[in-house]
Amino acid sequence: MTTRRVTPRWLRRAPWEHGTTALIGIGLVMLMQPWSIDVYSYGFTVLLAGVVGYSIAGKLPQSPSPQPSPPPGARKPLPLPPAGEGRGEGGS
């Protein structure tokens, strides 16, 4: 019997991707605003942190999606033919 490892909710991909995307947006706004040189000077650092975070977040596991149940009365899908049969792939 195999046990499936459950990923903690805080370590799933979607929240981290959303947060790092927001960080990238904040960094861009910080770089484009004309009022404060201090905010501008940290803009690239914030943007870079968002890009690195997004790259790392892409490696995290996705949250498990529930399998949709087929509607009542639905037929089973047809099995696929073995490789090499049909569709003119053979050379006869």
PDB file of N, CA and C in Angstrom:
ATOM      1  N   MET A   1       0.838  -1.180   0.000  1.00  0.00           N
ATOM      2  CA  MET A   1       0.000   0.000   0.000  1.00  0.00           C
ATOM      3  C   MET A   1       0.884   1.245   0.000  1.00  0.00           C
ATOM      4  N   THR A   2       0.583   2.149  -0.883  1.00  0.00           N
ATOM      5  CA  THR A   2       1.356   3.388  -0.936  1.00  0.00           C
ATOM      6  C   THR A   2       0.561   4.496  -0.266  1.00  0.00           C
ATOM      7  N   THR A   3       1.279   5.320   0.452  1.00  0.00           N
ATOM      8  CA  THR A   3       0.636   6.476   1.072  1.00  0.00           C
ATOM      9  C   THR A   3       1.045   7.710   0.296  1.00  0.00           C
ATOM     10  N   ARG A   4       0.098   8.555   0.075  1.00  0.00           N
ATOM     11  CA  ARG A   4       0.347   9.779  -0.671  1.00  0.00           C
ATOM     12  C   ARG A   4       0.717  10.888   0.291  1.00  0.00           C
ATOM     13  N   ARG A   5       1.798  11.551  -0.017  1.00  0.00           N
ATOM     14  CA  ARG A   5       2.249  12.637   0.831  1.00  0.00           C
ATOM     15  C   ARG A   5       1.388  13.870   0.589  1.00  0.00           C
ATOM     16  N   VAL A   6       0.915  14.455   1.638  1.00  0.00           N
ATOM     17  CA  VAL A   6       0.067  15.636   1.520  1.00  0.00           C
ATOM     18  C   VAL A   6       0.945  16.874   1.697  1.00  0.00           C
ATOM     19  N   THR A   7       0.906  17.759   0.711  1.00  0.00           N
ATOM     20  CA  THR A   7       1.675  18.996   0.775  1.00  0.00           C
ATOM     21  C   THR A   7       0.942  19.997   1.661  1.00  0.00           C
ATOM     22  N   PRO A   8       1.668  20.647   2.578  1.00  0.00           N
ATOM     23  CA  PRO A   8       1.005  21.665   3.393  1.00  0.00           C
ATOM     24  C   PRO A   8       0.422  22.776   2.514  1.00  0.00           C
ATOM     25  N   ARG A   9      -0.655  23.351   2.973  1.00  0.00           N
ATOM     26  CA  ARG A   9      -1.352  24.366   2.185  1.00  0.00           C
ATOM     27  C   ARG A   9      -0.462  25.576   1.888  1.00  0.00           C
ATOM     28  N   TRP A  10       0.394  25.965   2.803  1.00  0.00           N
ATOM     29  CA  TRP A  10       1.231  27.148   2.602  1.00  0.00           C
ATOM     30  C   TRP A  10       2.362  26.897   1.616  1.00  0.00           C
ATOM     31  N   LEU A  11       2.588  25.631   1.243  1.00  0.00           N
ATOM     32  CA  LEU A  11       3.697  25.286   0.357  1.00  0.00           C
ATOM     33  C   LEU A  11       3.210  24.908  -1.039  1.00  0.00           C
ATOM     34  N   ARG A  12       2.011  25.306  -1.404  1.00  0.00           N
ATOM     35  CA  ARG A  12       1.490  24.998  -2.728  1.00  0.00           C
ATOM     36  C   ARG A  12       1.805  26.121  -3.704  1.00  0.00           C
ATOM     37  N   ARG A  13       1.724  25.805  -4.973  1.00  0.00           N
ATOM     38  CA  ARG A  13       2.205  26.717  -6.019  1.00  0.00           C
ATOM     39  C   ARG A  13       1.366  27.988  -6.172  1.00  0.00           C
ATOM     40  N   ALA A  14       0.067  27.870  -6.221  1.00  0.00           N
ATOM     41  CA  ALA A  14      -0.793  29.003  -6.592  1.00  0.00           C
ATOM     42  C   ALA A  14      -0.613  30.236  -5.698  1.00  0.00           C
ATOM     43  N   PRO A  15      -0.641  30.110  -4.364  1.00  0.00           N
ATOM     44  CA  PRO A  15      -0.493  31.332  -3.554  1.00  0.00           C
ATOM     45  C   PRO A  15       0.858  32.011  -3.750  1.00  0.00           C
ATOM     46  N   TRP A  16       1.901  31.217  -3.920  1.00  0.00           N
ATOM     47  CA  TRP A  16       3.232  31.790  -4.115  1.00  0.00           C
ATOM     48  C   TRP A  16       3.347  32.463  -5.472  1.00  0.00           C
ATOM     49  N   GLU A  17       2.735  31.870  -6.498  1.00  0.00           N
ATOM     50  CA  GLU A  17       2.765  32.512  -7.810  1.00  0.00           C
ATOM     51  C   GLU A  17       2.014  33.840  -7.792  1.00  0.00           C
ATOM     52  N   HIS A  18       0.877  33.867  -7.109  1.00  0.00           N
ATOM     53  CA  HIS A  18       0.110  35.116  -7.026  1.00  0.00           C
ATOM     54  C   HIS A  18       0.894  36.188  -6.260  1.00  0.00           C
ATOM     55  N   GLY A  19       1.517  35.782  -5.166  1.00  0.00           N
ATOM     56  CA  GLY A  19       2.289  36.741  -4.367  1.00  0.00           C
ATOM     57  C   GLY A  19       3.498  37.283  -5.111  1.00  0.00           C
ATOM     58  N   THR A  20       4.218  36.408  -5.808  1.00  0.00           N
ATOM     59  CA  THR A  20       5.399  36.877  -6.533  1.00  0.00           C
ATOM     60  C   THR A  20       5.016  37.708  -7.756  1.00  0.00           C
ATOM     61  N   THR A  21       3.877  37.396  -8.360  1.00  0.00           N
ATOM     62  CA  THR A  21       3.398  38.234  -9.463  1.00  0.00           C
ATOM     63  C   THR A  21       3.072  39.632  -8.949  1.00  0.00           C
ATOM     64  N   ALA A  22       2.472  39.716  -7.787  1.00  0.00           N
ATOM     65  CA  ALA A  22       2.193  41.023  -7.185  1.00  0.00           C
ATOM     66  C   ALA A  22       3.500  41.750  -6.864  1.00  0.00           C
ATOM     67  N   LEU A  23       4.504  41.005  -6.399  1.00  0.00           N
ATOM     68  CA  LEU A  23       5.798  41.610  -6.097  1.00  0.00           C
ATOM     69  C   LEU A  23       6.457  42.168  -7.359  1.00  0.00           C
ATOM     70  N   ILE A  24       6.330  41.458  -8.465  1.00  0.00           N
ATOM     71  CA  ILE A  24       6.853  41.952  -9.743  1.00  0.00           C
ATOM     72  C   ILE A  24       6.130  43.244 -10.137  1.00  0.00           C
ATOM     73  N   GLY A  25       4.815  43.268  -9.984  1.00  0.00           N
ATOM     74  CA  GLY A  25       4.044  44.473 -10.307  1.00  0.00           C
ATOM     75  C   GLY A  25       4.425  45.652  -9.424  1.00  0.00           C
ATOM     76  N   ILE A  26       4.628  45.384  -8.140  1.00  0.00           N
ATOM     77  CA  ILE A  26       5.031  46.458  -7.223  1.00  0.00           C
ATOM     78  C   ILE A  26       6.407  46.988  -7.612  1.00  0.00           C
ATOM     79  N   GLY A  27       7.314  46.080  -7.981  1.00  0.00           N
ATOM     80  CA  GLY A  27       8.643  46.511  -8.410  1.00  0.00           C
ATOM     81  C   GLY A  27       8.589  47.375  -9.654  1.00  0.00           C
ATOM     82  N   LEU A  28       7.723  47.014 -10.597  1.00  0.00           N
ATOM     83  CA  LEU A  28       7.577  47.840 -11.800  1.00  0.00           C
ATOM     84  C   LEU A  28       7.027  49.223 -11.469  1.00  0.00           C
ATOM     85  N   VAL A  29       6.036  49.269 -10.598  1.00  0.00           N
ATOM     86  CA  VAL A  29       5.470  50.567 -10.202  1.00  0.00           C
ATOM     87  C   VAL A  29       6.529  51.405  -9.483  1.00  0.00           C
ATOM     88  N   MET A  30       7.341  50.759  -8.661  1.00  0.00           N
ATOM     89  CA  MET A  30       8.400  51.475  -7.953  1.00  0.00           C
ATOM     90  C   MET A  30       9.422  52.054  -8.929  1.00  0.00           C
ATOM     91  N   LEU A  31       9.679  51.343 -10.015  1.00  0.00           N
ATOM     92  CA  LEU A  31      10.630  51.849 -11.007  1.00  0.00           C
ATOM     93  C   LEU A  31      10.052  52.972 -11.862  1.00  0.00           C
ATOM     94  N   MET A  32       8.733  53.000 -12.033  1.00  0.00           N
ATOM     95  CA  MET A  32       8.124  53.975 -12.930  1.00  0.00           C
ATOM     96  C   MET A  32       7.608  55.232 -12.241  1.00  0.00           C
ATOM     97  N   GLN A  33       7.584  55.245 -10.911  1.00  0.00           N
ATOM     98  CA  GLN A  33       7.030  56.420 -10.235  1.00  0.00           C
ATOM     99  C   GLN A  33       8.063  57.547 -10.229  1.00  0.00           C
ATOM    100  N   PRO A  34       7.623  58.796 -10.365  1.00  0.00           N
ATOM    101  CA  PRO A  34       8.564  59.920 -10.478  1.00  0.00           C
ATOM    102  C   PRO A  34       8.795  60.710  -9.184  1.00  0.00           C
ATOM    103  N   TRP A  35       8.246  60.287  -8.036  1.00  0.00           N
ATOM    104  CA  TRP A  35       8.240  61.141  -6.860  1.00  0.00           C
ATOM    105  C   TRP A  35       9.396  60.912  -5.899  1.00  0.00           C
ATOM    106  N   SER A  36       9.807  59.678  -5.695  1.00  0.00           N
ATOM    107  CA  SER A  36      10.783  59.401  -4.645  1.00  0.00           C
ATOM    108  C   SER A  36      11.960  58.601  -5.204  1.00  0.00           C
ATOM    109  N   ILE A  37      13.153  59.140  -5.014  1.00  0.00           N
ATOM    110  CA  ILE A  37      14.347  58.431  -5.483  1.00  0.00           C
ATOM    111  C   ILE A  37      14.627  57.207  -4.603  1.00  0.00           C
ATOM    112  N   ASP A  38      14.210  57.249  -3.338  1.00  0.00           N
ATOM    113  CA  ASP A  38      14.417  56.099  -2.448  1.00  0.00           C
ATOM    114  C   ASP A  38      13.573  54.910  -2.898  1.00  0.00           C
ATOM    115  N   VAL A  39      12.327  55.172  -3.249  1.00  0.00           N
ATOM    116  CA  VAL A  39      11.457  54.099  -3.739  1.00  0.00           C
ATOM    117  C   VAL A  39      11.996  53.564  -5.058  1.00  0.00           C
ATOM    118  N   TYR A  40      12.446  54.462  -5.915  1.00  0.00           N
ATOM    119  CA  TYR A  40      13.013  54.056  -7.203  1.00  0.00           C
ATOM    120  C   TYR A  40      14.250  53.182  -7.007  1.00  0.00           C
ATOM    121  N   SER A  41      15.077  53.519  -6.042  1.00  0.00           N
ATOM    122  CA  SER A  41      16.328  52.788  -5.855  1.00  0.00           C
ATOM    123  C   SER A  41      16.092  51.353  -5.387  1.00  0.00           C
ATOM    124  N   TYR A  42      14.986  51.090  -4.726  1.00  0.00           N
ATOM    125  CA  TYR A  42      14.667  49.720  -4.307  1.00  0.00           C
ATOM    126  C   TYR A  42      13.791  48.986  -5.323  1.00  0.00           C
ATOM    127  N   GLY A  43      13.348  49.660  -6.355  1.00  0.00           N
ATOM    128  CA  GLY A  43      12.444  49.054  -7.327  1.00  0.00           C
ATOM    129  C   GLY A  43      13.027  47.843  -8.023  1.00  0.00           C
ATOM    130  N   PHE A  44      14.287  47.939  -8.465  1.00  0.00           N
ATOM    131  CA  PHE A  44      14.890  46.801  -9.161  1.00  0.00           C
ATOM    132  C   PHE A  44      15.091  45.625  -8.221  1.00  0.00           C
ATOM    133  N   THR A  45      15.434  45.894  -6.972  1.00  0.00           N
ATOM    134  CA  THR A  45      15.611  44.819  -5.991  1.00  0.00           C
ATOM    135  C   THR A  45      14.292  44.081  -5.763  1.00  0.00           C
ATOM    136  N   VAL A  46      13.215  44.819  -5.642  1.00  0.00           N
ATOM    137  CA  VAL A  46      11.900  44.212  -5.443  1.00  0.00           C
ATOM    138  C   VAL A  46      11.492  43.432  -6.692  1.00  0.00           C
ATOM    139  N   LEU A  47      11.731  43.993  -7.863  1.00  0.00           N
ATOM    140  CA  LEU A  47      11.422  43.312  -9.117  1.00  0.00           C
ATOM    141  C   LEU A  47      12.227  42.021  -9.241  1.00  0.00           C
ATOM    142  N   LEU A  48      13.504  42.068  -8.941  1.00  0.00           N
ATOM    143  CA  LEU A  48      14.354  40.885  -9.019  1.00  0.00           C
ATOM    144  C   LEU A  48      13.922  39.820  -8.013  1.00  0.00           C
ATOM    145  N   ALA A  49      13.548  40.231  -6.813  1.00  0.00           N
ATOM    146  CA  ALA A  49      13.061  39.276  -5.814  1.00  0.00           C
ATOM    147  C   ALA A  49      11.781  38.601  -6.305  1.00  0.00           C
ATOM    148  N   GLY A  50      10.918  39.353  -6.965  1.00  0.00           N
ATOM    149  CA  GLY A  50       9.697  38.765  -7.505  1.00  0.00           C
ATOM    150  C   GLY A  50       9.972  37.768  -8.611  1.00  0.00           C
ATOM    151  N   VAL A  51      10.922  38.076  -9.488  1.00  0.00           N
ATOM    152  CA  VAL A  51      11.252  37.163 -10.591  1.00  0.00           C
ATOM    153  C   VAL A  51      11.889  35.879 -10.054  1.00  0.00           C
ATOM    154  N   VAL A  52      12.824  36.015  -9.119  1.00  0.00           N
ATOM    155  CA  VAL A  52      13.456  34.827  -8.527  1.00  0.00           C
ATOM    156  C   VAL A  52      12.409  34.013  -7.767  1.00  0.00           C
ATOM    157  N   GLY A  53      11.540  34.684  -7.027  1.00  0.00           N
ATOM    158  CA  GLY A  53      10.483  33.975  -6.304  1.00  0.00           C
ATOM    159  C   GLY A  53       9.535  33.254  -7.239  1.00  0.00           C
ATOM    160  N   TYR A  54       9.233  33.873  -8.377  1.00  0.00           N
ATOM    161  CA  TYR A  54       8.338  33.225  -9.343  1.00  0.00           C
ATOM    162  C   TYR A  54       9.004  31.992  -9.944  1.00  0.00           C
ATOM    163  N   SER A  55      10.291  32.066 -10.179  1.00  0.00           N
ATOM    164  CA  SER A  55      11.011  30.907 -10.705  1.00  0.00           C
ATOM    165  C   SER A  55      11.012  29.763  -9.704  1.00  0.00           C
ATOM    166  N   ILE A  56      11.156  30.079  -8.438  1.00  0.00           N
ATOM    167  CA  ILE A  56      11.139  29.044  -7.400  1.00  0.00           C
ATOM    168  C   ILE A  56       9.723  28.520  -7.210  1.00  0.00           C
ATOM    169  N   ALA A  57       8.726  29.402  -7.243  1.00  0.00           N
ATOM    170  CA  ALA A  57       7.331  28.981  -7.040  1.00  0.00           C
ATOM    171  C   ALA A  57       6.874  28.031  -8.136  1.00  0.00           C
ATOM    172  N   GLY A  58       7.438  28.147  -9.328  1.00  0.00           N
ATOM    173  CA  GLY A  58       7.071  27.245 -10.414  1.00  0.00           C
ATOM    174  C   GLY A  58       7.489  25.814 -10.163  1.00  0.00           C
ATOM    175  N   LYS A  59       8.396  25.604  -9.215  1.00  0.00           N
ATOM    176  CA  LYS A  59       8.852  24.250  -8.892  1.00  0.00           C
ATOM    177  C   LYS A  59       8.047  23.610  -7.756  1.00  0.00           C
ATOM    178  N   LEU A  60       7.204  24.388  -7.097  1.00  0.00           N
ATOM    179  CA  LEU A  60       6.403  23.853  -5.997  1.00  0.00           C
ATOM    180  C   LEU A  60       5.277  22.982  -6.550  1.00  0.00           C
ATOM    181  N   PRO A  61       4.790  22.025  -5.751  1.00  0.00           N
ATOM    182  CA  PRO A  61       3.698  21.176  -6.237  1.00  0.00           C
ATOM    183  C   PRO A  61       2.385  21.934  -6.332  1.00  0.00           C
ATOM    184  N   GLN A  62       1.580  21.562  -7.316  1.00  0.00           N
ATOM    185  CA  GLN A  62       0.267  22.174  -7.465  1.00  0.00           C
ATOM    186  C   GLN A  62      -0.680  21.584  -6.438  1.00  0.00           C
ATOM    187  N   SER A  63      -1.703  22.323  -6.110  1.00  0.00           N
ATOM    188  CA  SER A  63      -2.708  21.791  -5.200  1.00  0.00           C
ATOM    189  C   SER A  63      -3.487  20.708  -5.941  1.00  0.00           C
ATOM    190  N   PRO A  64      -3.851  19.663  -5.229  1.00  0.00           N
ATOM    191  CA  PRO A  64      -4.566  18.577  -5.914  1.00  0.00           C
ATOM    192  C   PRO A  64      -5.932  19.036  -6.393  1.00  0.00           C
ATOM    193  N   SER A  65      -6.221  18.735  -7.645  1.00  0.00           N
ATOM    194  CA  SER A  65      -7.522  19.105  -8.179  1.00  0.00           C
ATOM    195  C   SER A  65      -8.453  17.905  -8.053  1.00  0.00           C
ATOM    196  N   PRO A  66      -9.665  18.145  -7.608  1.00  0.00           N
ATOM    197  CA  PRO A  66     -10.593  17.022  -7.478  1.00  0.00           C
ATOM    198  C   PRO A  66     -10.968  16.472  -8.853  1.00  0.00           C
ATOM    199  N   GLN A  67     -11.082  15.170  -8.945  1.00  0.00           N
ATOM    200  CA  GLN A  67     -11.467  14.534 -10.199  1.00  0.00           C
ATOM    201  C   GLN A  67     -12.967  14.737 -10.398  1.00  0.00           C
ATOM    202  N   PRO A  68     -13.354  15.306 -11.530  1.00  0.00           N
ATOM    203  CA  PRO A  68     -14.785  15.502 -11.753  1.00  0.00           C
ATOM    204  C   PRO A  68     -15.472  14.160 -11.979  1.00  0.00           C
ATOM    205  N   SER A  69     -16.627  14.018 -11.398  1.00  0.00           N
ATOM    206  CA  SER A  69     -17.364  12.777 -11.590  1.00  0.00           C
ATOM    207  C   SER A  69     -18.132  12.867 -12.908  1.00  0.00           C
ATOM    208  N   PRO A  70     -18.187  11.764 -13.643  1.00  0.00           N
ATOM    209  CA  PRO A  70     -18.908  11.801 -14.918  1.00  0.00           C
ATOM    210  C   PRO A  70     -20.399  11.988 -14.678  1.00  0.00           C
ATOM    211  N   PRO A  71     -21.081  12.611 -15.609  1.00  0.00           N
ATOM    212  CA  PRO A  71     -22.525  12.790 -15.441  1.00  0.00           C
ATOM    213  C   PRO A  71     -23.230  11.444 -15.462  1.00  0.00           C
ATOM    214  N   PRO A  72     -24.393  11.361 -14.857  1.00  0.00           N
ATOM    215  CA  PRO A  72     -25.105  10.088 -14.848  1.00  0.00           C
ATOM    216  C   PRO A  72     -25.436   9.641 -16.272  1.00  0.00           C
ATOM    217  N   GLY A  73     -25.203   8.371 -16.534  1.00  0.00           N
ATOM    218  CA  GLY A  73     -25.510   7.815 -17.838  1.00  0.00           C
ATOM    219  C   GLY A  73     -24.403   7.988 -18.854  1.00  0.00           C
ATOM    220  N   ALA A  74     -23.255   8.512 -18.435  1.00  0.00           N
ATOM    221  CA  ALA A  74     -22.146   8.717 -19.370  1.00  0.00           C
ATOM    222  C   ALA A  74     -21.498   7.373 -19.705  1.00  0.00           C
ATOM    223  N   ARG A  75     -21.037   7.269 -20.944  1.00  0.00           N
ATOM    224  CA  ARG A  75     -20.363   6.041 -21.367  1.00  0.00           C
ATOM    225  C   ARG A  75     -18.885   6.106 -21.029  1.00  0.00           C
ATOM    226  N   LYS A  76     -18.266   4.920 -20.888  1.00  0.00           N
ATOM    227  CA  LYS A  76     -16.833   4.855 -20.651  1.00  0.00           C
ATOM    228  C   LYS A  76     -16.109   5.223 -21.941  1.00  0.00           C
ATOM    229  N   PRO A  77     -14.931   5.881 -21.847  1.00  0.00           N
ATOM    230  CA  PRO A  77     -14.196   6.211 -23.066  1.00  0.00           C
ATOM    231  C   PRO A  77     -13.651   4.949 -23.728  1.00  0.00           C
ATOM    232  N   LEU A  78     -13.536   5.001 -25.047  1.00  0.00           N
ATOM    233  CA  LEU A  78     -13.014   3.862 -25.787  1.00  0.00           C
ATOM    234  C   LEU A  78     -11.519   3.725 -25.534  1.00  0.00           C
ATOM    235  N   PRO A  79     -11.006   2.501 -25.470  1.00  0.00           N
ATOM    236  CA  PRO A  79      -9.569   2.325 -25.253  1.00  0.00           C
ATOM    237  C   PRO A  79      -8.790   2.742 -26.500  1.00  0.00           C
ATOM    238  N   LEU A  80      -7.573   3.216 -26.306  1.00  0.00           N
ATOM    239  CA  LEU A  80      -6.720   3.611 -27.412  1.00  0.00           C
ATOM    240  C   LEU A  80      -6.123   2.372 -28.078  1.00  0.00           C
ATOM    241  N   PRO A  81      -5.948   2.386 -29.416  1.00  0.00           N
ATOM    242  CA  PRO A  81      -5.338   1.236 -30.074  1.00  0.00           C
ATOM    243  C   PRO A  81      -3.850   1.178 -29.735  1.00  0.00           C
ATOM    244  N   PRO A  82      -3.257  -0.018 -29.795  1.00  0.00           N
ATOM    245  CA  PRO A  82      -1.819  -0.130 -29.523  1.00  0.00           C
ATOM    246  C   PRO A  82      -1.023   0.688 -30.538  1.00  0.00           C
ATOM    247  N   ALA A  83       0.169   1.058 -30.160  1.00  0.00           N
ATOM    248  CA  ALA A  83       1.012   1.887 -31.023  1.00  0.00           C
ATOM    249  C   ALA A  83       1.323   1.152 -32.318  1.00  0.00           C
ATOM    250  N   GLY A  84       1.272   1.866 -33.428  1.00  0.00           N
ATOM    251  CA  GLY A  84       1.609   1.280 -34.717  1.00  0.00           C
ATOM    252  C   GLY A  84       0.416   0.751 -35.493  1.00  0.00           C
ATOM    253  N   GLU A  85      -0.737   0.661 -34.878  1.00  0.00           N
ATOM    254  CA  GLU A  85      -1.922   0.167 -35.580  1.00  0.00           C
ATOM    255  C   GLU A  85      -2.793   1.338 -35.991  1.00  0.00           C
ATOM    256  N   GLY A  86      -3.310   1.290 -37.182  1.00  0.00           N
ATOM    257  CA  GLY A  86      -4.245   2.311 -37.660  1.00  0.00           C
ATOM    258  C   GLY A  86      -3.513   3.566 -38.119  1.00  0.00           C
ATOM    259  N   ARG A  87      -4.238   4.448 -38.704  1.00  0.00           N
ATOM    260  CA  ARG A  87      -3.786   5.761 -39.152  1.00  0.00           C
ATOM    261  C   ARG A  87      -2.631   5.692 -40.144  1.00  0.00           C
ATOM    262  N   GLY A  88      -2.446   4.603 -40.827  1.00  0.00           N
ATOM    263  CA  GLY A  88      -1.451   4.517 -41.894  1.00  0.00           C
ATOM    264  C   GLY A  88      -0.012   4.619 -41.443  1.00  0.00           C
ATOM    265  N   GLU A  89       0.270   4.257 -40.188  1.00  0.00           N
ATOM    266  CA  GLU A  89       1.639   4.365 -39.699  1.00  0.00           C
ATOM    267  C   GLU A  89       2.496   3.181 -40.121  1.00  0.00           C
ATOM    268  N   GLY A  90       1.876   2.078 -40.471  1.00  0.00           N
ATOM    269  CA  GLY A  90       2.634   0.890 -40.887  1.00  0.00           C
ATOM    270  C   GLY A  90       3.106   1.020 -42.322  1.00  0.00           C
ATOM    271  N   GLY A  91       4.099   0.278 -42.687  1.00  0.00           N
ATOM    272  CA  GLY A  91       4.607   0.369 -44.048  1.00  0.00           C
ATOM    273  C   GLY A  91       4.347  -0.923 -44.800  1.00  0.00           C
ATOM    274  N   SER A  92       3.114  -1.156 -45.263  1.00  0.00           N
ATOM    275  CA  SER A  92       2.841  -2.412 -45.955  1.00  0.00           C
ATOM    276  C   SER A  92       2.883  -2.273 -47.429  1.00  0.00           C
TER     277      SER A  92
END
